[in-house]
């Protein structure tokens, strides 16, 4: 069903990039490019370390609980389930109430997305879906070959063309990084850690084993679920920052992404990013799936 609510009339600016011309401009662009490349490499390294940490924690829990073979079977089943879910982005978006947004109904939006995809080297433009809600949000599902991006009416009405481009570039970066499958896999590992820890604790209690003898194992199993949850959130935050970093290379106006994040922060919390940063408790960040907006725009600067 075509979107009949009317898309915003984006005001297309003709502004050029900063320091576009001259030798100093070339040197500046080269330095910026090198900095962005280093940032992406650091994010990738950090992401791999967190995922390795989750797998190591699972191995320790499985060994402590005597459930090593069971954990292997569970992970094999989880891999199959993750792959099956990963291949159904359209069905998932339909379940959320999102409707396909055809190109004929949103030609300017698809033009913006096409430009981003060309820069990203994608062979297929993700299909757009519209969530008819006033909230401001967007998310991507799937891999480059079958990806879909969902946006809300509130997002399209509340952001400028350049800001929408920044958000779409962020979602395209998630697609290129295969973040849907990566986070689904991390969630499966986290669930298996929870199951292994519970199994081990129940076994110890049922057999009334000497706690002095199994104390280290008991402590590990008791703490493992909380540690796994913290690692899962850390992985999510790292991949969000990695998507931000890649998005900068896919748009003409990098500052627009920071501007969009500021608008989203104010919409969702009624605060500026700086006020939110100063008022939030430091320890609360560890329990969030996204970095603070102030941290994100600071890294984008």
C-alpha atoms as a PDB file:
ATOM      1  CA  UNK A   1       0.000   0.000   0.000  1.00  0.00           C
ATOM      2  CA  UNK A   2       1.677   3.257  -1.087  1.00  0.00           C
ATOM      3  CA  UNK A   3       2.362   5.820   1.581  1.00  0.00           C
ATOM      4  CA  UNK A   4      -0.250   8.538   1.106  1.00  0.00           C
ATOM      5  CA  UNK A   5       0.585  10.723   4.087  1.00  0.00           C
ATOM      6  CA  UNK A   6       2.877  12.952   2.091  1.00  0.00           C
ATOM      7  CA  UNK A   7       6.643  12.935   2.508  1.00  0.00           C
ATOM      8  CA  UNK A   8       8.376  16.098   3.686  1.00  0.00           C
ATOM      9  CA  UNK A   9       9.614  18.447   1.016  1.00  0.00           C
ATOM     10  CA  UNK A  10      13.321  18.241   1.735  1.00  0.00           C
ATOM     11  CA  UNK A  11      15.155  21.521   1.297  1.00  0.00           C
ATOM     12  CA  UNK A  12      18.214  20.430  -0.660  1.00  0.00           C
ATOM     13  CA  UNK A  13      21.226  22.553   0.223  1.00  0.00           C
ATOM     14  CA  UNK A  14      23.991  23.173  -2.278  1.00  0.00           C
ATOM     15  CA  UNK A  15      26.668  23.562   0.380  1.00  0.00           C
ATOM     16  CA  UNK A  16      30.042  22.069  -0.495  1.00  0.00           C
ATOM     17  CA  UNK A  17      32.319  20.134   1.775  1.00  0.00           C
ATOM     18  CA  UNK A  18      34.706  22.052   4.003  1.00  0.00           C
ATOM     19  CA  UNK A  19      38.185  22.582   2.580  1.00  0.00           C
ATOM     20  CA  UNK A  20      37.152  21.141  -0.763  1.00  0.00           C
ATOM     21  CA  UNK A  21      39.817  22.862  -2.904  1.00  0.00           C
ATOM     22  CA  UNK A  22      43.550  23.492  -2.880  1.00  0.00           C
ATOM     23  CA  UNK A  23      46.582  21.587  -1.561  1.00  0.00           C
ATOM     24  CA  UNK A  24      45.677  22.246   2.054  1.00  0.00           C
ATOM     25  CA  UNK A  25      42.218  20.840   1.368  1.00  0.00           C
ATOM     26  CA  UNK A  26      43.698  17.634  -0.062  1.00  0.00           C
ATOM     27  CA  UNK A  27      45.995  17.250   2.938  1.00  0.00           C
ATOM     28  CA  UNK A  28      43.074  17.852   5.290  1.00  0.00           C
ATOM     29  CA  UNK A  29      40.933  15.258   3.530  1.00  0.00           C
ATOM     30  CA  UNK A  30      43.788  12.737   3.590  1.00  0.00           C
ATOM     31  CA  UNK A  31      44.257  13.282   7.331  1.00  0.00           C
ATOM     32  CA  UNK A  32      40.525  12.937   7.986  1.00  0.00           C
ATOM     33  CA  UNK A  33      40.416   9.764   5.882  1.00  0.00           C
ATOM     34  CA  UNK A  34      43.351   8.242   7.785  1.00  0.00           C
ATOM     35  CA  UNK A  35      41.728   9.106  11.115  1.00  0.00           C
ATOM     36  CA  UNK A  36      38.436   7.507  10.086  1.00  0.00           C
ATOM     37  CA  UNK A  37      40.218   4.376   8.849  1.00  0.00           C
ATOM     38  CA  UNK A  38      42.066   4.045  12.165  1.00  0.00           C
ATOM     39  CA  UNK A  39      38.805   4.547  14.073  1.00  0.00           C
ATOM     40  CA  UNK A  40      37.115   1.778  12.095  1.00  0.00           C
ATOM     41  CA  UNK A  41      40.028  -0.582  12.701  1.00  0.00           C
ATOM     42  CA  UNK A  42      39.913   0.103  16.447  1.00  0.00           C
ATOM     43  CA  UNK A  43      36.169  -0.532  16.549  1.00  0.00           C
ATOM     44  CA  UNK A  44      36.606  -3.784  14.647  1.00  0.00           C
ATOM     45  CA  UNK A  45      39.365  -4.922  17.006  1.00  0.00           C
ATOM     46  CA  UNK A  46      37.288  -4.021  20.064  1.00  0.00           C
ATOM     47  CA  UNK A  47      34.256  -5.830  18.656  1.00  0.00           C
ATOM     48  CA  UNK A  48      36.247  -9.026  18.072  1.00  0.00           C
ATOM     49  CA  UNK A  49      37.670  -8.854  21.598  1.00  0.00           C
ATOM     50  CA  UNK A  50      34.212  -8.558  23.158  1.00  0.00           C
ATOM     51  CA  UNK A  51      32.840 -11.454  21.077  1.00  0.00           C
ATOM     52  CA  UNK A  52      35.870 -13.572  21.990  1.00  0.00           C
ATOM     53  CA  UNK A  53      35.248 -12.716  25.628  1.00  0.00           C
ATOM     54  CA  UNK A  54      31.659 -13.967  25.414  1.00  0.00           C
ATOM     55  CA  UNK A  55      32.724 -17.238  23.805  1.00  0.00           C
ATOM     56  CA  UNK A  56      35.479 -17.716  26.399  1.00  0.00           C
ATOM     57  CA  UNK A  57      32.977 -17.100  29.191  1.00  0.00           C
ATOM     58  CA  UNK A  58      30.632 -19.670  27.664  1.00  0.00           C
ATOM     59  CA  UNK A  59      33.448 -22.228  27.492  1.00  0.00           C
ATOM     60  CA  UNK A  60      34.304 -21.641  31.147  1.00  0.00           C
ATOM     61  CA  UNK A  61      30.663 -21.971  32.210  1.00  0.00           C
ATOM     62  CA  UNK A  62      30.203 -25.140  30.188  1.00  0.00           C
ATOM     63  CA  UNK A  63      33.310 -26.673  31.738  1.00  0.00           C
ATOM     64  CA  UNK A  64      32.324 -25.626  35.265  1.00  0.00           C
ATOM     65  CA  UNK A  65      28.817 -27.031  34.869  1.00  0.00           C
ATOM     66  CA  UNK A  66      29.818 -30.184  33.017  1.00  0.00           C
ATOM     67  CA  UNK A  67      27.659 -29.134  30.076  1.00  0.00           C
ATOM     68  CA  UNK A  68      30.327 -28.689  27.394  1.00  0.00           C
ATOM     69  CA  UNK A  69      28.736 -30.986  24.794  1.00  0.00           C
ATOM     70  CA  UNK A  70      25.295 -29.567  25.511  1.00  0.00           C
ATOM     71  CA  UNK A  71      26.595 -26.058  24.938  1.00  0.00           C
ATOM     72  CA  UNK A  72      28.056 -27.082  21.597  1.00  0.00           C
ATOM     73  CA  UNK A  73      24.747 -28.560  20.478  1.00  0.00           C
ATOM     74  CA  UNK A  74      22.823 -25.517  21.674  1.00  0.00           C
ATOM     75  CA  UNK A  75      25.129 -23.171  19.792  1.00  0.00           C
ATOM     76  CA  UNK A  76      24.766 -25.257  16.643  1.00  0.00           C
ATOM     77  CA  UNK A  77      20.972 -25.029  16.948  1.00  0.00           C
ATOM     78  CA  UNK A  78      21.212 -21.309  17.683  1.00  0.00           C
ATOM     79  CA  UNK A  79      23.342 -20.796  14.569  1.00  0.00           C
ATOM     80  CA  UNK A  80      20.641 -22.409  12.438  1.00  0.00           C
ATOM     81  CA  UNK A  81      17.917 -20.311  14.078  1.00  0.00           C
ATOM     82  CA  UNK A  82      19.907 -17.083  13.679  1.00  0.00           C
ATOM     83  CA  UNK A  83      20.485 -17.835  10.006  1.00  0.00           C
ATOM     84  CA  UNK A  84      16.792 -18.556   9.460  1.00  0.00           C
ATOM     85  CA  UNK A  85      15.730 -15.304  11.161  1.00  0.00           C
ATOM     86  CA  UNK A  86      18.459 -13.381   9.370  1.00  0.00           C
ATOM     87  CA  UNK A  87      16.934 -14.392   6.040  1.00  0.00           C
ATOM     88  CA  UNK A  88      13.477 -12.976   6.835  1.00  0.00           C
ATOM     89  CA  UNK A  89      13.842  -9.188   7.289  1.00  0.00           C
ATOM     90  CA  UNK A  90      10.620  -8.404   5.417  1.00  0.00           C
ATOM     91  CA  UNK A  91       8.561 -10.750   7.595  1.00  0.00           C
ATOM     92  CA  UNK A  92      10.017  -9.248  10.766  1.00  0.00           C
ATOM     93  CA  UNK A  93       9.244  -5.693   9.650  1.00  0.00           C
ATOM     94  CA  UNK A  94       5.707  -6.690   8.676  1.00  0.00           C
ATOM     95  CA  UNK A  95       5.275  -8.134  12.165  1.00  0.00           C
ATOM     96  CA  UNK A  96       6.268  -4.765  13.633  1.00  0.00           C
ATOM     97  CA  UNK A  97       3.591  -3.066  11.530  1.00  0.00           C
ATOM     98  CA  UNK A  98       5.906  -1.515   8.960  1.00  0.00           C
ATOM     99  CA  UNK A  99       4.623  -1.136   5.406  1.00  0.00           C
ATOM    100  CA  UNK A 100       6.709  -1.268   2.204  1.00  0.00           C
ATOM    101  CA  UNK A 101       7.530   2.217   0.944  1.00  0.00           C
ATOM    102  CA  UNK A 102       7.788   1.982  -2.857  1.00  0.00           C
ATOM    103  CA  UNK A 103      10.133   4.181  -4.838  1.00  0.00           C
ATOM    104  CA  UNK A 104       7.208   5.871  -6.608  1.00  0.00           C
ATOM    105  CA  UNK A 105       5.903   7.115  -3.254  1.00  0.00           C
ATOM    106  CA  UNK A 106       9.260   8.424  -2.034  1.00  0.00           C
ATOM    107  CA  UNK A 107      11.552   9.159  -5.011  1.00  0.00           C
ATOM    108  CA  UNK A 108      13.689  11.740  -3.169  1.00  0.00           C
ATOM    109  CA  UNK A 109      14.246   9.404  -0.248  1.00  0.00           C
ATOM    110  CA  UNK A 110      15.311   6.597  -2.567  1.00  0.00           C
ATOM    111  CA  UNK A 111      17.605   9.018  -4.416  1.00  0.00           C
ATOM    112  CA  UNK A 112      19.355   9.821  -1.142  1.00  0.00           C
ATOM    113  CA  UNK A 113      19.640   6.120  -0.291  1.00  0.00           C
ATOM    114  CA  UNK A 114      20.899   5.255  -3.779  1.00  0.00           C
ATOM    115  CA  UNK A 115      23.720   7.789  -3.479  1.00  0.00           C
ATOM    116  CA  UNK A 116      24.743   6.285  -0.145  1.00  0.00           C
ATOM    117  CA  UNK A 117      24.658   2.739  -1.512  1.00  0.00           C
ATOM    118  CA  UNK A 118      26.769   3.685  -4.538  1.00  0.00           C
ATOM    119  CA  UNK A 119      29.423   5.130  -2.244  1.00  0.00           C
ATOM    120  CA  UNK A 120      29.264   2.033  -0.075  1.00  0.00           C
ATOM    121  CA  UNK A 121      29.763  -0.224  -3.107  1.00  0.00           C
ATOM    122  CA  UNK A 122      26.498  -2.073  -2.561  1.00  0.00           C
ATOM    123  CA  UNK A 123      25.028  -3.957  -5.510  1.00  0.00           C
ATOM    124  CA  UNK A 124      21.475  -3.718  -4.171  1.00  0.00           C
ATOM    125  CA  UNK A 125      19.582  -0.798  -2.651  1.00  0.00           C
ATOM    126  CA  UNK A 126      17.815  -1.904   0.560  1.00  0.00           C
ATOM    127  CA  UNK A 127      14.037  -1.847   0.432  1.00  0.00           C
ATOM    128  CA  UNK A 128      12.501   0.920   2.540  1.00  0.00           C
ATOM    129  CA  UNK A 129       9.648   0.340   4.973  1.00  0.00           C
ATOM    130  CA  UNK A 130       7.563   2.966   6.745  1.00  0.00           C
ATOM    131  CA  UNK A 131       6.320   2.753  10.308  1.00  0.00           C
ATOM    132  CA  UNK A 132       3.274   5.066  10.563  1.00  0.00           C
ATOM    133  CA  UNK A 133       4.106   6.392  14.030  1.00  0.00           C
ATOM    134  CA  UNK A 134       5.108   9.885  15.234  1.00  0.00           C
ATOM    135  CA  UNK A 135       8.234   8.620  16.973  1.00  0.00           C
ATOM    136  CA  UNK A 136      11.673   9.292  15.470  1.00  0.00           C
ATOM    137  CA  UNK A 137      13.500   6.066  14.759  1.00  0.00           C
ATOM    138  CA  UNK A 138      15.098   3.928  12.067  1.00  0.00           C
ATOM    139  CA  UNK A 139      16.583   0.453  11.997  1.00  0.00           C
ATOM    140  CA  UNK A 140      17.981  -1.990   9.474  1.00  0.00           C
ATOM    141  CA  UNK A 141      17.624  -5.750   9.164  1.00  0.00           C
ATOM    142  CA  UNK A 142      19.325  -8.298   6.966  1.00  0.00           C
ATOM    143  CA  UNK A 143      22.545  -8.574   4.978  1.00  0.00           C
ATOM    144  CA  UNK A 144      23.553  -6.660   1.822  1.00  0.00           C
ATOM    145  CA  UNK A 145      21.709  -9.153  -0.387  1.00  0.00           C
ATOM    146  CA  UNK A 146      18.289  -8.885   1.269  1.00  0.00           C
ATOM    147  CA  UNK A 147      18.439  -5.913   3.633  1.00  0.00           C
ATOM    148  CA  UNK A 148      15.514  -3.661   4.530  1.00  0.00           C
ATOM    149  CA  UNK A 149      15.501  -0.325   6.335  1.00  0.00           C
ATOM    150  CA  UNK A 150      12.527   0.887   8.341  1.00  0.00           C
ATOM    151  CA  UNK A 151      11.946   4.573   9.075  1.00  0.00           C
ATOM    152  CA  UNK A 152       9.145   6.266  10.977  1.00  0.00           C
ATOM    153  CA  UNK A 153       6.935   9.117   9.798  1.00  0.00           C
ATOM    154  CA  UNK A 154       8.204  11.187  12.703  1.00  0.00           C
ATOM    155  CA  UNK A 155      11.804  10.781  11.557  1.00  0.00           C
ATOM    156  CA  UNK A 156      11.057  11.891   7.999  1.00  0.00           C
ATOM    157  CA  UNK A 157       9.082  14.901   9.168  1.00  0.00           C
ATOM    158  CA  UNK A 158      11.487  15.967  11.896  1.00  0.00           C
ATOM    159  CA  UNK A 159      14.806  15.859  10.042  1.00  0.00           C
ATOM    160  CA  UNK A 160      16.242  17.705   7.063  1.00  0.00           C
ATOM    161  CA  UNK A 161      17.351  15.923   3.890  1.00  0.00           C
ATOM    162  CA  UNK A 162      20.990  15.908   4.976  1.00  0.00           C
ATOM    163  CA  UNK A 163      20.085  14.638   8.453  1.00  0.00           C
ATOM    164  CA  UNK A 164      17.959  11.825   7.016  1.00  0.00           C
ATOM    165  CA  UNK A 165      20.928  10.950   4.784  1.00  0.00           C
ATOM    166  CA  UNK A 166      23.105  10.672   7.884  1.00  0.00           C
ATOM    167  CA  UNK A 167      20.652   8.307   9.569  1.00  0.00           C
ATOM    168  CA  UNK A 168      20.279   6.180   6.432  1.00  0.00           C
ATOM    169  CA  UNK A 169      24.073   6.010   6.074  1.00  0.00           C
ATOM    170  CA  UNK A 170      24.283   4.771   9.665  1.00  0.00           C
ATOM    171  CA  UNK A 171      21.762   2.026   8.876  1.00  0.00           C
ATOM    172  CA  UNK A 172      23.586   1.086   5.666  1.00  0.00           C
ATOM    173  CA  UNK A 173      26.762   0.741   7.737  1.00  0.00           C
ATOM    174  CA  UNK A 174      24.935  -1.709  10.025  1.00  0.00           C
ATOM    175  CA  UNK A 175      23.993  -3.714   6.935  1.00  0.00           C
ATOM    176  CA  UNK A 176      27.560  -3.765   5.614  1.00  0.00           C
ATOM    177  CA  UNK A 177      28.847  -4.859   9.028  1.00  0.00           C
ATOM    178  CA  UNK A 178      26.259  -7.689   9.198  1.00  0.00           C
ATOM    179  CA  UNK A 179      25.183  -6.363  12.588  1.00  0.00           C
ATOM    180  CA  UNK A 180      21.793  -8.109  12.537  1.00  0.00           C
ATOM    181  CA  UNK A 181      23.374 -11.548  12.466  1.00  0.00           C
ATOM    182  CA  UNK A 182      26.245 -10.539  14.758  1.00  0.00           C
ATOM    183  CA  UNK A 183      23.955  -9.280  17.518  1.00  0.00           C
ATOM    184  CA  UNK A 184      21.564 -12.213  17.071  1.00  0.00           C
ATOM    185  CA  UNK A 185      24.510 -14.567  17.485  1.00  0.00           C
ATOM    186  CA  UNK A 186      25.722 -12.659  20.563  1.00  0.00           C
ATOM    187  CA  UNK A 187      22.222 -12.919  22.050  1.00  0.00           C
ATOM    188  CA  UNK A 188      22.266 -16.685  21.441  1.00  0.00           C
ATOM    189  CA  UNK A 189      25.641 -16.973  23.199  1.00  0.00           C
ATOM    190  CA  UNK A 190      24.323 -14.913  26.108  1.00  0.00           C
ATOM    191  CA  UNK A 191      21.297 -17.195  26.460  1.00  0.00           C
ATOM    192  CA  UNK A 192      23.529 -20.261  26.419  1.00  0.00           C
ATOM    193  CA  UNK A 193      25.730 -18.735  29.143  1.00  0.00           C
ATOM    194  CA  UNK A 194      22.605 -18.198  31.258  1.00  0.00           C
ATOM    195  CA  UNK A 195      21.500 -21.795  30.666  1.00  0.00           C
ATOM    196  CA  UNK A 196      24.930 -23.263  31.430  1.00  0.00           C
ATOM    197  CA  UNK A 197      25.257 -21.227  34.618  1.00  0.00           C
ATOM    198  CA  UNK A 198      21.792 -22.233  35.829  1.00  0.00           C
ATOM    199  CA  UNK A 199      22.442 -25.878  34.993  1.00  0.00           C
ATOM    200  CA  UNK A 200      25.710 -25.851  36.902  1.00  0.00           C
ATOM    201  CA  UNK A 201      24.281 -24.177  40.005  1.00  0.00           C
ATOM    202  CA  UNK A 202      21.307 -26.579  40.105  1.00  0.00           C
ATOM    203  CA  UNK A 203      23.662 -29.559  39.767  1.00  0.00           C
ATOM    204  CA  UNK A 204      25.825 -28.329  42.649  1.00  0.00           C
ATOM    205  CA  UNK A 205      22.823 -27.787  44.913  1.00  0.00           C
ATOM    206  CA  UNK A 206      21.196 -31.094  44.038  1.00  0.00           C
ATOM    207  CA  UNK A 207      24.348 -33.052  44.770  1.00  0.00           C
ATOM    208  CA  UNK A 208      25.133 -30.985  47.881  1.00  0.00           C
ATOM    209  CA  UNK A 209      28.723 -30.768  46.857  1.00  0.00           C
ATOM    210  CA  UNK A 210      31.281 -29.278  49.231  1.00  0.00           C
ATOM    211  CA  UNK A 211      31.184 -25.531  48.571  1.00  0.00           C
ATOM    212  CA  UNK A 212      34.767 -25.168  49.767  1.00  0.00           C
ATOM    213  CA  UNK A 213      35.789 -27.465  46.938  1.00  0.00           C
ATOM    214  CA  UNK A 214      33.597 -25.996  44.215  1.00  0.00           C
ATOM    215  CA  UNK A 215      33.662 -22.399  45.474  1.00  0.00           C
ATOM    216  CA  UNK A 216      35.508 -20.895  42.460  1.00  0.00           C
ATOM    217  CA  UNK A 217      33.211 -22.708  40.031  1.00  0.00           C
ATOM    218  CA  UNK A 218      30.131 -21.626  41.977  1.00  0.00           C
ATOM    219  CA  UNK A 219      31.291 -17.999  41.974  1.00  0.00           C
ATOM    220  CA  UNK A 220      31.929 -18.133  38.240  1.00  0.00           C
ATOM    221  CA  UNK A 221      28.505 -19.590  37.498  1.00  0.00           C
ATOM    222  CA  UNK A 222      26.767 -17.085  39.756  1.00  0.00           C
ATOM    223  CA  UNK A 223      28.442 -14.069  38.125  1.00  0.00           C
ATOM    224  CA  UNK A 224      28.501 -15.292  34.520  1.00  0.00           C
ATOM    225  CA  UNK A 225      24.975 -14.147  33.480  1.00  0.00           C
ATOM    226  CA  UNK A 226      25.608 -10.579  34.659  1.00  0.00           C
ATOM    227  CA  UNK A 227      29.014 -10.480  32.960  1.00  0.00           C
ATOM    228  CA  UNK A 228      27.516 -11.870  29.733  1.00  0.00           C
ATOM    229  CA  UNK A 229      24.853  -9.163  29.777  1.00  0.00           C
ATOM    230  CA  UNK A 230      27.460  -6.445  30.229  1.00  0.00           C
ATOM    231  CA  UNK A 231      29.512  -7.884  27.364  1.00  0.00           C
ATOM    232  CA  UNK A 232      26.440  -8.001  25.129  1.00  0.00           C
ATOM    233  CA  UNK A 233      25.673  -4.332  25.768  1.00  0.00           C
ATOM    234  CA  UNK A 234      29.337  -3.440  25.241  1.00  0.00           C
ATOM    235  CA  UNK A 235      29.313  -5.209  21.879  1.00  0.00           C
ATOM    236  CA  UNK A 236      26.159  -3.349  20.848  1.00  0.00           C
ATOM    237  CA  UNK A 237      27.712   0.013  21.760  1.00  0.00           C
ATOM    238  CA  UNK A 238      30.903  -0.740  19.855  1.00  0.00           C
ATOM    239  CA  UNK A 239      28.986  -1.671  16.727  1.00  0.00           C
ATOM    240  CA  UNK A 240      26.891   1.513  16.994  1.00  0.00           C
ATOM    241  CA  UNK A 241      30.069   3.597  17.098  1.00  0.00           C
ATOM    242  CA  UNK A 242      31.467   1.617  14.163  1.00  0.00           C
ATOM    243  CA  UNK A 243      28.314   2.372  12.143  1.00  0.00           C
ATOM    244  CA  UNK A 244      28.654   6.066  12.971  1.00  0.00           C
ATOM    245  CA  UNK A 245      32.272   6.041  11.814  1.00  0.00           C
ATOM    246  CA  UNK A 246      31.490   4.380   8.486  1.00  0.00           C
ATOM    247  CA  UNK A 247      28.476   6.628   7.863  1.00  0.00           C
ATOM    248  CA  UNK A 248      30.758   9.659   7.670  1.00  0.00           C
ATOM    249  CA  UNK A 249      32.315   8.298   4.467  1.00  0.00           C
ATOM    250  CA  UNK A 250      28.918   7.780   2.836  1.00  0.00           C
ATOM    251  CA  UNK A 251      27.439  11.289   3.072  1.00  0.00           C
ATOM    252  CA  UNK A 252      28.280  14.777   1.806  1.00  0.00           C
ATOM    253  CA  UNK A 253      27.682  16.559   5.097  1.00  0.00           C
ATOM    254  CA  UNK A 254      29.173  14.674   8.069  1.00  0.00           C
ATOM    255  CA  UNK A 255      27.958  17.315  10.531  1.00  0.00           C
ATOM    256  CA  UNK A 256      24.381  16.450   9.579  1.00  0.00           C
ATOM    257  CA  UNK A 257      24.654  13.076  11.332  1.00  0.00           C
ATOM    258  CA  UNK A 258      25.625  14.789  14.583  1.00  0.00           C
ATOM    259  CA  UNK A 259      22.745  17.241  14.120  1.00  0.00           C
ATOM    260  CA  UNK A 260      20.323  14.353  13.599  1.00  0.00           C
ATOM    261  CA  UNK A 261      21.547  12.614  16.756  1.00  0.00           C
ATOM    262  CA  UNK A 262      21.004  15.820  18.735  1.00  0.00           C
ATOM    263  CA  UNK A 263      17.420  16.056  17.479  1.00  0.00           C
ATOM    264  CA  UNK A 264      16.782  12.408  18.342  1.00  0.00           C
ATOM    265  CA  UNK A 265      18.151  12.903  21.856  1.00  0.00           C
ATOM    266  CA  UNK A 266      15.895  15.898  22.447  1.00  0.00           C
ATOM    267  CA  UNK A 267      12.874  14.094  21.006  1.00  0.00           C
ATOM    268  CA  UNK A 268      13.321  11.033  23.204  1.00  0.00           C
ATOM    269  CA  UNK A 269      14.505  12.661  26.443  1.00  0.00           C
ATOM    270  CA  UNK A 270      13.683  16.361  26.201  1.00  0.00           C
ATOM    271  CA  UNK A 271      17.342  17.143  26.934  1.00  0.00           C
ATOM    272  CA  UNK A 272      20.334  18.260  24.956  1.00  0.00           C
ATOM    273  CA  UNK A 273      23.131  15.689  24.581  1.00  0.00           C
ATOM    274  CA  UNK A 274      25.348  17.656  26.989  1.00  0.00           C
ATOM    275  CA  UNK A 275      22.639  17.878  29.668  1.00  0.00           C
ATOM    276  CA  UNK A 276      21.896  14.171  29.260  1.00  0.00           C
ATOM    277  CA  UNK A 277      25.611  13.388  29.589  1.00  0.00           C
ATOM    278  CA  UNK A 278      25.959  15.464  32.760  1.00  0.00           C
ATOM    279  CA  UNK A 279      22.780  14.171  34.388  1.00  0.00           C
ATOM    280  CA  UNK A 280      23.068  10.455  33.622  1.00  0.00           C
ATOM    281  CA  UNK A 281      24.837   8.250  36.128  1.00  0.00           C
ATOM    282  CA  UNK A 282      28.219   7.030  34.950  1.00  0.00           C
ATOM    283  CA  UNK A 283      27.411   3.412  35.795  1.00  0.00           C
ATOM    284  CA  UNK A 284      24.183   3.486  33.783  1.00  0.00           C
ATOM    285  CA  UNK A 285      26.113   3.477  30.493  1.00  0.00           C
ATOM    286  CA  UNK A 286      27.192  -0.125  31.029  1.00  0.00           C
ATOM    287  CA  UNK A 287      23.535  -1.178  30.909  1.00  0.00           C
ATOM    288  CA  UNK A 288      22.719   0.632  27.671  1.00  0.00           C
ATOM    289  CA  UNK A 289      22.731  -0.859  24.179  1.00  0.00           C
ATOM    290  CA  UNK A 290      23.676   2.501  22.613  1.00  0.00           C
ATOM    291  CA  UNK A 291      26.461   4.892  23.558  1.00  0.00           C
ATOM    292  CA  UNK A 292      25.426   8.229  25.000  1.00  0.00           C
ATOM    293  CA  UNK A 293      24.632  10.821  22.340  1.00  0.00           C
ATOM    294  CA  UNK A 294      27.301  13.140  23.723  1.00  0.00           C
ATOM    295  CA  UNK A 295      29.925  10.431  23.266  1.00  0.00           C
ATOM    296  CA  UNK A 296      28.722   9.734  19.732  1.00  0.00           C
ATOM    297  CA  UNK A 297      28.809  13.339  18.548  1.00  0.00           C
ATOM    298  CA  UNK A 298      32.172  13.863  20.291  1.00  0.00           C
ATOM    299  CA  UNK A 299      33.633  11.005  18.267  1.00  0.00           C
ATOM    300  CA  UNK A 300      32.022  12.343  15.078  1.00  0.00           C
ATOM    301  CA  UNK A 301      33.611  15.784  15.545  1.00  0.00           C
END
